Amino acid sequence: MTLLWFWLFLALASTLNSHGGYDFPFYPTGDAKIHDFHHSSFRDNYGTIGFLDWLHSTNINYKKHLQQLGTKNNNDNKKGK
């Protein structure tokens, strides 16, 4: 019974964190950006800690998105120099 309550606590805390819109870097189950991407596409990032997304390859589009953002940010930084 204690394990059930512990899991419920973690599940609710994870839900509040991922839907709250704030990115807490110390939170162990991922950040809100991953879940925000899920709500923008509904085909990606189903899991809370990323293992099942990695296993079923539902995080590939998110990784591509991060690479595009990184490339765009790097190009913007180079233009400013």
Protein backbone atom coordinates (compact mmCIF):
# COMPACT_ATOMS: atom_id res chain seq x y z
CA MET A 1 0.00 0.00 0.00
CA THR A 2 2.89 2.34 0.75
CA LEU A 3 4.31 1.74 -2.70
CA LEU A 4 0.97 2.70 -4.26
CA TRP A 5 0.90 6.01 -2.36
CA PHE A 6 4.51 6.70 -3.30
CA TRP A 7 3.75 6.06 -6.97
CA LEU A 8 0.64 8.26 -6.81
CA PHE A 9 2.69 11.06 -5.27
CA LEU A 10 5.33 10.81 -8.02
CA ALA A 11 2.71 10.58 -10.77
CA LEU A 12 0.86 13.67 -9.53
CA ALA A 13 4.08 15.60 -9.01
CA SER A 14 5.19 14.71 -12.53
CA THR A 15 1.83 15.80 -13.97
CA LEU A 16 1.97 19.11 -12.15
CA ASN A 17 5.54 19.69 -13.28
CA SER A 18 4.94 18.86 -16.93
CA HIS A 19 1.69 20.83 -17.24
CA GLY A 20 2.74 23.76 -15.07
CA GLY A 21 4.72 25.49 -17.80
CA TYR A 22 7.80 25.93 -15.63
CA ASP A 23 11.07 24.16 -16.27
CA PHE A 24 12.59 22.86 -13.04
CA PRO A 25 16.05 21.49 -13.93
CA PHE A 26 16.34 19.57 -10.65
CA TYR A 27 13.17 17.57 -11.25
CA PRO A 28 14.07 13.90 -11.93
CA THR A 29 11.31 12.98 -14.40
CA GLY A 30 12.17 15.37 -17.20
CA ASP A 31 11.34 18.90 -18.04
CA ALA A 32 8.23 20.71 -19.23
CA LYS A 33 9.70 21.34 -22.71
CA ILE A 34 9.49 17.65 -23.54
CA HIS A 35 5.82 17.54 -22.59
CA ASP A 36 5.08 20.83 -24.38
CA PHE A 37 6.46 19.26 -27.56
CA HIS A 38 4.12 16.29 -26.99
CA HIS A 39 1.15 18.66 -26.89
CA SER A 40 2.28 20.34 -30.10
CA SER A 41 2.47 17.10 -32.11
CA PHE A 42 0.59 14.37 -30.15
CA ARG A 43 2.75 11.70 -31.82
CA ASP A 44 5.88 12.16 -29.73
CA ASN A 45 7.16 12.05 -26.16
CA TYR A 46 4.60 9.86 -24.44
CA GLY A 47 6.74 8.87 -21.48
CA THR A 48 7.67 10.82 -18.39
CA ILE A 49 11.31 9.85 -17.95
CA GLY A 50 12.19 9.18 -21.58
CA PHE A 51 13.08 5.50 -21.42
CA LEU A 52 9.94 4.26 -23.19
CA ASP A 53 10.22 7.05 -25.76
CA TRP A 54 13.77 5.92 -26.48
CA LEU A 55 12.69 2.27 -26.60
CA HIS A 56 9.82 2.90 -29.03
CA SER A 57 11.56 5.75 -30.92
CA THR A 58 8.84 8.28 -30.15
CA ASN A 59 11.44 10.94 -29.28
CA ILE A 60 13.10 11.19 -32.70
CA ASN A 61 11.17 14.27 -33.84
CA TYR A 62 11.92 16.00 -30.55
CA LYS A 63 15.64 15.33 -30.99
CA LYS A 64 15.48 16.72 -34.54
CA HIS A 65 13.66 19.77 -33.21
CA LEU A 66 16.38 20.33 -30.60
CA GLN A 67 19.08 20.00 -33.27
CA GLN A 68 17.31 22.57 -35.45
CA LEU A 69 17.04 24.95 -32.52
CA GLY A 70 20.69 24.43 -31.67
CA THR A 71 21.76 25.05 -35.27
CA LYS A 72 19.58 28.14 -35.48
CA ASN A 73 20.92 29.50 -32.19
CA ASN A 74 24.52 28.79 -33.23
CA ASN A 75 24.00 30.58 -36.54
CA ASP A 76 22.46 33.56 -34.74
CA ASN A 77 25.46 33.70 -32.39
CA LYS A 78 27.90 33.60 -35.31
CA LYS A 79 26.09 36.47 -37.05
CA GLY A 80 26.38 38.60 -33.94
CA LYS A 81 30.18 38.19 -33.77
